[in-house]
């Protein structure tokens, strides 16, 4: 299964307000560009949250009690990116933007 999510600066800002991450790299585009990025960076765990959405789609409400996710962050995500998240029946997941994979990993249920 697959779903797409569009990242906006507003989404990044709102996520940062919830989790308390005030790192300037998420909010100041000039600062981020001076460090070689094309803009502010999305929060990694925010992007991982998109993968969790698909895990719920795959595993249903059992995901809330017994879900485990393991990911590797491989590329940043920026405002304006569309992130395509895919998960197969075995729980292998990939999240990608136009530059390629941004997260790779697995999602599974622990034994009851």
C-alpha atoms as a PDB file:
ATOM      1  CA  UNK A   1       0.000   0.000   0.000  1.00  0.00           C
ATOM      2  CA  UNK A   2       1.061   3.549  -0.611  1.00  0.00           C
ATOM      3  CA  UNK A   3       0.128   7.065   0.482  1.00  0.00           C
ATOM      4  CA  UNK A   4       1.471  10.520  -0.275  1.00  0.00           C
ATOM      5  CA  UNK A   5       1.977  13.421   2.113  1.00  0.00           C
ATOM      6  CA  UNK A   6       2.927  16.982   1.182  1.00  0.00           C
ATOM      7  CA  UNK A   7       5.278  18.682   3.636  1.00  0.00           C
ATOM      8  CA  UNK A   8       4.772  22.385   4.311  1.00  0.00           C
ATOM      9  CA  UNK A   9       6.612  24.822   6.528  1.00  0.00           C
ATOM     10  CA  UNK A  10       3.398  25.147   8.527  1.00  0.00           C
ATOM     11  CA  UNK A  11       3.412  21.403   9.183  1.00  0.00           C
ATOM     12  CA  UNK A  12       7.057  21.584  10.286  1.00  0.00           C
ATOM     13  CA  UNK A  13       6.303  24.548  12.556  1.00  0.00           C
ATOM     14  CA  UNK A  14       3.273  22.880  14.117  1.00  0.00           C
ATOM     15  CA  UNK A  15       5.147  19.632  14.714  1.00  0.00           C
ATOM     16  CA  UNK A  16       7.989  21.561  16.356  1.00  0.00           C
ATOM     17  CA  UNK A  17       5.534  23.316  18.656  1.00  0.00           C
ATOM     18  CA  UNK A  18       4.160  19.945  19.763  1.00  0.00           C
ATOM     19  CA  UNK A  19       7.492  18.181  20.337  1.00  0.00           C
ATOM     20  CA  UNK A  20       9.471  21.194  21.574  1.00  0.00           C
ATOM     21  CA  UNK A  21      12.207  20.966  18.920  1.00  0.00           C
ATOM     22  CA  UNK A  22      13.360  24.555  18.460  1.00  0.00           C
ATOM     23  CA  UNK A  23      16.461  23.803  16.353  1.00  0.00           C
ATOM     24  CA  UNK A  24      16.839  26.716  13.943  1.00  0.00           C
ATOM     25  CA  UNK A  25      17.506  24.354  10.996  1.00  0.00           C
ATOM     26  CA  UNK A  26      13.745  23.618  10.958  1.00  0.00           C
ATOM     27  CA  UNK A  27      12.641  27.250  10.877  1.00  0.00           C
ATOM     28  CA  UNK A  28      15.199  29.509   9.195  1.00  0.00           C
ATOM     29  CA  UNK A  29      15.604  28.832   5.460  1.00  0.00           C
ATOM     30  CA  UNK A  30      18.618  31.133   5.096  1.00  0.00           C
ATOM     31  CA  UNK A  31      20.384  29.376   7.948  1.00  0.00           C
ATOM     32  CA  UNK A  32      19.644  25.976   6.396  1.00  0.00           C
ATOM     33  CA  UNK A  33      20.815  27.110   2.956  1.00  0.00           C
ATOM     34  CA  UNK A  34      24.077  28.428   4.411  1.00  0.00           C
ATOM     35  CA  UNK A  35      24.677  24.863   5.602  1.00  0.00           C
ATOM     36  CA  UNK A  36      24.163  23.367   2.144  1.00  0.00           C
ATOM     37  CA  UNK A  37      20.487  22.403   2.282  1.00  0.00           C
ATOM     38  CA  UNK A  38      17.841  23.649  -0.132  1.00  0.00           C
ATOM     39  CA  UNK A  39      15.644  24.887   2.682  1.00  0.00           C
ATOM     40  CA  UNK A  40      14.535  24.138   6.203  1.00  0.00           C
ATOM     41  CA  UNK A  41      14.520  20.489   7.234  1.00  0.00           C
ATOM     42  CA  UNK A  42      11.430  18.544   8.218  1.00  0.00           C
ATOM     43  CA  UNK A  43      11.654  16.849  11.605  1.00  0.00           C
ATOM     44  CA  UNK A  44      12.736  13.240  11.129  1.00  0.00           C
ATOM     45  CA  UNK A  45      10.179  11.859  13.560  1.00  0.00           C
ATOM     46  CA  UNK A  46       7.466  13.857  11.797  1.00  0.00           C
ATOM     47  CA  UNK A  47       8.311  12.062   8.564  1.00  0.00           C
ATOM     48  CA  UNK A  48       8.459   8.751  10.431  1.00  0.00           C
ATOM     49  CA  UNK A  49       4.924   9.527  11.575  1.00  0.00           C
ATOM     50  CA  UNK A  50       3.801   9.196   7.973  1.00  0.00           C
ATOM     51  CA  UNK A  51       5.141   5.635   8.012  1.00  0.00           C
ATOM     52  CA  UNK A  52       3.156   4.982  11.192  1.00  0.00           C
ATOM     53  CA  UNK A  53      -0.016   5.988   9.353  1.00  0.00           C
ATOM     54  CA  UNK A  54       0.559   3.179   6.868  1.00  0.00           C
ATOM     55  CA  UNK A  55       1.382   0.735   9.663  1.00  0.00           C
ATOM     56  CA  UNK A  56      -2.049   1.477  11.143  1.00  0.00           C
ATOM     57  CA  UNK A  57      -3.562   0.898   7.705  1.00  0.00           C
ATOM     58  CA  UNK A  58      -1.765  -2.459   7.504  1.00  0.00           C
ATOM     59  CA  UNK A  59      -2.122  -3.738  11.072  1.00  0.00           C
ATOM     60  CA  UNK A  60      -5.240  -1.942  12.288  1.00  0.00           C
ATOM     61  CA  UNK A  61      -5.733  -1.056  15.925  1.00  0.00           C
ATOM     62  CA  UNK A  62      -3.255  -3.786  16.989  1.00  0.00           C
ATOM     63  CA  UNK A  63      -0.564  -1.330  15.894  1.00  0.00           C
ATOM     64  CA  UNK A  64      -1.380   0.881  18.881  1.00  0.00           C
ATOM     65  CA  UNK A  65      -0.617  -1.859  21.418  1.00  0.00           C
ATOM     66  CA  UNK A  66       1.939  -4.074  19.716  1.00  0.00           C
ATOM     67  CA  UNK A  67       3.498  -2.059  16.911  1.00  0.00           C
ATOM     68  CA  UNK A  68       7.260  -1.774  16.467  1.00  0.00           C
ATOM     69  CA  UNK A  69       8.950   0.353  13.865  1.00  0.00           C
ATOM     70  CA  UNK A  70      12.628   0.483  12.990  1.00  0.00           C
ATOM     71  CA  UNK A  71      13.817   3.065  10.498  1.00  0.00           C
ATOM     72  CA  UNK A  72      16.953   4.579   9.079  1.00  0.00           C
ATOM     73  CA  UNK A  73      16.881   8.214   7.983  1.00  0.00           C
ATOM     74  CA  UNK A  74      18.794   8.461   4.702  1.00  0.00           C
ATOM     75  CA  UNK A  75      17.941  11.863   3.205  1.00  0.00           C
ATOM     76  CA  UNK A  76      16.350  15.099   4.426  1.00  0.00           C
ATOM     77  CA  UNK A  77      12.846  16.265   3.589  1.00  0.00           C
ATOM     78  CA  UNK A  78      12.075  19.914   2.814  1.00  0.00           C
ATOM     79  CA  UNK A  79       8.966  22.092   2.614  1.00  0.00           C
ATOM     80  CA  UNK A  80       7.248  21.524  -0.719  1.00  0.00           C
ATOM     81  CA  UNK A  81       8.346  17.898  -0.946  1.00  0.00           C
ATOM     82  CA  UNK A  82       5.783  15.204  -1.539  1.00  0.00           C
ATOM     83  CA  UNK A  83       6.703  12.144   0.492  1.00  0.00           C
ATOM     84  CA  UNK A  84       5.478   8.826  -0.870  1.00  0.00           C
ATOM     85  CA  UNK A  85       5.319   6.134   1.803  1.00  0.00           C
ATOM     86  CA  UNK A  86       5.021   2.482   0.858  1.00  0.00           C
ATOM     87  CA  UNK A  87       4.617  -0.575   3.070  1.00  0.00           C
ATOM     88  CA  UNK A  88       4.286  -4.146   1.889  1.00  0.00           C
ATOM     89  CA  UNK A  89       2.417  -7.021   3.557  1.00  0.00           C
ATOM     90  CA  UNK A  90       5.620  -8.095   5.344  1.00  0.00           C
ATOM     91  CA  UNK A  91       6.052  -4.611   6.878  1.00  0.00           C
ATOM     92  CA  UNK A  92       8.962  -3.436   4.722  1.00  0.00           C
ATOM     93  CA  UNK A  93       8.618   0.306   4.379  1.00  0.00           C
ATOM     94  CA  UNK A  94      10.126   3.062   2.308  1.00  0.00           C
ATOM     95  CA  UNK A  95       9.427   6.781   2.319  1.00  0.00           C
ATOM     96  CA  UNK A  96      10.726   8.752  -0.662  1.00  0.00           C
ATOM     97  CA  UNK A  97      10.709  12.265  -2.054  1.00  0.00           C
ATOM     98  CA  UNK A  98      11.696  13.353  -5.549  1.00  0.00           C
ATOM     99  CA  UNK A  99      15.385  12.804  -4.684  1.00  0.00           C
ATOM    100  CA  UNK A 100      14.931   9.175  -3.612  1.00  0.00           C
ATOM    101  CA  UNK A 101      14.436   7.301  -0.339  1.00  0.00           C
ATOM    102  CA  UNK A 102      14.302   9.419   2.825  1.00  0.00           C
ATOM    103  CA  UNK A 103      13.468   6.593   5.255  1.00  0.00           C
ATOM    104  CA  UNK A 104      13.870   2.834   4.968  1.00  0.00           C
ATOM    105  CA  UNK A 105      12.837   0.295   7.565  1.00  0.00           C
ATOM    106  CA  UNK A 106      10.319  -2.189   8.844  1.00  0.00           C
ATOM    107  CA  UNK A 107       7.120  -2.160  10.822  1.00  0.00           C
ATOM    108  CA  UNK A 108       5.824  -5.249  12.610  1.00  0.00           C
ATOM    109  CA  UNK A 109       3.658  -6.427  15.455  1.00  0.00           C
ATOM    110  CA  UNK A 110       5.197  -7.931  18.604  1.00  0.00           C
ATOM    111  CA  UNK A 111       3.852 -11.306  19.600  1.00  0.00           C
ATOM    112  CA  UNK A 112       0.840 -11.089  21.890  1.00  0.00           C
END
